[in-house]
C-alpha atoms as a PDB file:
ATOM      1  CA  MET A   1      11.872  18.721   5.079  1.00  0.00           C
ATOM      2  CA  ALA A   2      13.451  19.577   1.748  1.00  0.00           C
ATOM      3  CA  LYS A   3      14.275  16.804  -0.685  1.00  0.00           C
ATOM      4  CA  LYS A   4      17.929  16.162  -1.311  1.00  0.00           C
ATOM      5  CA  SER A   5      19.155  16.182  -4.883  1.00  0.00           C
ATOM      6  CA  LYS A   6      20.726  13.046  -6.332  1.00  0.00           C
ATOM      7  CA  ASN A   7      24.183  14.491  -5.727  1.00  0.00           C
ATOM      8  CA  GLU A   8      23.406  15.348  -2.090  1.00  0.00           C
ATOM      9  CA  ARG A   9      22.060  11.940  -1.098  1.00  0.00           C
ATOM     10  CA  ASN A  10      24.218  10.257   1.466  1.00  0.00           C
ATOM     11  CA  ASP A  11      23.856   6.537   0.900  1.00  0.00           C
ATOM     12  CA  ASP A  12      25.796   3.473   1.899  1.00  0.00           C
ATOM     13  CA  LEU A  13      25.736   1.827  -1.511  1.00  0.00           C
ATOM     14  CA  ARG A  14      28.935   0.548  -2.978  1.00  0.00           C
ATOM     15  CA  PRO A  15      30.390   2.849  -5.624  1.00  0.00           C
ATOM     16  CA  GLU A  16      29.695   0.291  -8.379  1.00  0.00           C
ATOM     17  CA  TYR A  17      25.945   0.513  -7.758  1.00  0.00           C
ATOM     18  CA  GLU A  18      24.065   3.325  -9.453  1.00  0.00           C
ATOM     19  CA  LEU A  19      21.140   4.350  -7.249  1.00  0.00           C
ATOM     20  CA  GLY A  20      19.219   5.790 -10.194  1.00  0.00           C
ATOM     21  CA  GLU A  21      19.363   2.467 -12.028  1.00  0.00           C
ATOM     22  CA  LEU A  22      18.361   0.500  -8.932  1.00  0.00           C
ATOM     23  CA  LEU A  23      15.345   2.677  -8.276  1.00  0.00           C
ATOM     24  CA  GLY A  24      14.259   2.699 -11.914  1.00  0.00           C
ATOM     25  CA  THR A  25      11.003   4.611 -12.175  1.00  0.00           C
ATOM     26  CA  ALA A  26      10.300   4.388  -8.444  1.00  0.00           C
ATOM     27  CA  VAL A  27       9.264   7.602  -6.738  1.00  0.00           C
ATOM     28  CA  GLN A  28      10.622   8.252  -3.272  1.00  0.00           C
ATOM     29  CA  GLY A  29       7.928   9.231  -0.795  1.00  0.00           C
ATOM     30  CA  LYS A  30       5.077   8.505  -3.214  1.00  0.00           C
ATOM     31  CA  TYR A  31       2.670   7.590  -0.408  1.00  0.00           C
ATOM     32  CA  ALA A  32       4.209   9.704   2.375  1.00  0.00           C
ATOM     33  CA  GLU A  33       1.305  12.162   2.509  1.00  0.00           C
ATOM     34  CA  ARG A  34      -1.297   9.384   2.724  1.00  0.00           C
ATOM     35  CA  TYR A  35       0.744   7.719   5.450  1.00  0.00           C
ATOM     36  CA  ARG A  36       0.818  10.918   7.495  1.00  0.00           C
ATOM     37  CA  GLU A  37      -2.962  11.210   7.110  1.00  0.00           C
ATOM     38  CA  GLY A  38      -3.370   7.756   8.612  1.00  0.00           C
ATOM     39  CA  THR A  39      -4.526   6.060   5.430  1.00  0.00           C
ATOM     40  CA  ASN A  40      -3.971   2.307   5.383  1.00  0.00           C
ATOM     41  CA  LEU A  41      -2.253   1.160   2.234  1.00  0.00           C
ATOM     42  CA  VAL A  42      -2.521  -2.484   1.292  1.00  0.00           C
ATOM     43  CA  ARG A  43      -0.810  -4.069  -1.657  1.00  0.00           C
ATOM     44  CA  LEU A  44      -3.046  -6.625  -3.342  1.00  0.00           C
ATOM     45  CA  ALA A  45      -1.780  -9.769  -4.986  1.00  0.00           C
ATOM     46  CA  PRO A  46      -2.131  -9.601  -8.784  1.00  0.00           C
ATOM     47  CA  ASP A  47      -4.990 -12.133  -8.897  1.00  0.00           C
ATOM     48  CA  ILE A  48      -6.924 -10.229  -6.221  1.00  0.00           C
ATOM     49  CA  ALA A  49      -6.301  -6.887  -7.949  1.00  0.00           C
ATOM     50  CA  GLU A  50      -7.669  -8.367 -11.160  1.00  0.00           C
ATOM     51  CA  ALA A  51     -10.869  -9.475  -9.412  1.00  0.00           C
ATOM     52  CA  PHE A  52     -11.250  -6.171  -7.541  1.00  0.00           C
ATOM     53  CA  PRO A  53      -9.837  -3.456  -9.823  1.00  0.00           C
ATOM     54  CA  THR A  54     -11.120  -0.412  -7.920  1.00  0.00           C
ATOM     55  CA  GLU A  55     -10.869   0.869  -4.378  1.00  0.00           C
ATOM     56  CA  GLU A  56     -14.645   0.773  -4.052  1.00  0.00           C
ATOM     57  CA  SER A  57     -14.897  -2.863  -5.210  1.00  0.00           C
ATOM     58  CA  VAL A  58     -12.358  -3.894  -2.561  1.00  0.00           C
ATOM     59  CA  ASN A  59     -14.199  -1.955   0.141  1.00  0.00           C
ATOM     60  CA  GLU A  60     -17.557  -3.427  -0.890  1.00  0.00           C
ATOM     61  CA  ALA A  61     -16.179  -6.977  -0.724  1.00  0.00           C
ATOM     62  CA  LEU A  62     -14.610  -6.380   2.686  1.00  0.00           C
ATOM     63  CA  ARG A  63     -17.850  -4.897   4.041  1.00  0.00           C
ATOM     64  CA  LEU A  64     -19.657  -8.046   2.918  1.00  0.00           C
ATOM     65  CA  VAL A  65     -17.073 -10.191   4.710  1.00  0.00           C
ATOM     66  CA  ILE A  66     -17.613  -8.137   7.875  1.00  0.00           C
ATOM     67  CA  GLN A  67     -21.395  -8.587   7.629  1.00  0.00           C
ATOM     68  CA  LEU A  68     -21.050 -12.329   7.094  1.00  0.00           C
ATOM     69  CA  THR A  69     -18.693 -12.613  10.049  1.00  0.00           C
ATOM     70  CA  ARG A  70     -21.151 -10.788  12.284  1.00  0.00           C
ATOM     71  CA  LEU A  71     -24.003 -13.053  11.183  1.00  0.00           C
ATOM     72  CA  HIS A  72     -21.949 -16.134  11.882  1.00  0.00           C
ATOM     73  CA  THR A  73     -20.787 -15.020  15.340  1.00  0.00           C
ATOM     74  CA  LYS A  74     -24.171 -13.837  16.710  1.00  0.00           C
ATOM     75  CA  PRO A  75     -25.338 -16.045  19.549  1.00  0.00           C
ATOM     76  CA  ARG A  76     -28.435 -18.041  18.692  1.00  0.00           C
ATOM     77  CA  GLN A  77     -31.535 -17.361  20.742  1.00  0.00           C
ATOM     78  CA  SER A  78     -33.687 -20.318  21.745  1.00  0.00           C
END
């Protein structure tokens, strides 16, 4: 699907609103390819992003949570 130019966009905004100003530096369809691939995108809160600045650090922490959950939910053997 070809992208429409700014002049070709058919939007429902009021004439007094300038779409370019509203979008600022936003990029339309920035994550579209990842979405089609089935990648899960999660937006982290600023404090969490500061504690886990890389994709790998987030994944490592979540794997630890999964392991701890499994340990906690295993039935105890007598």
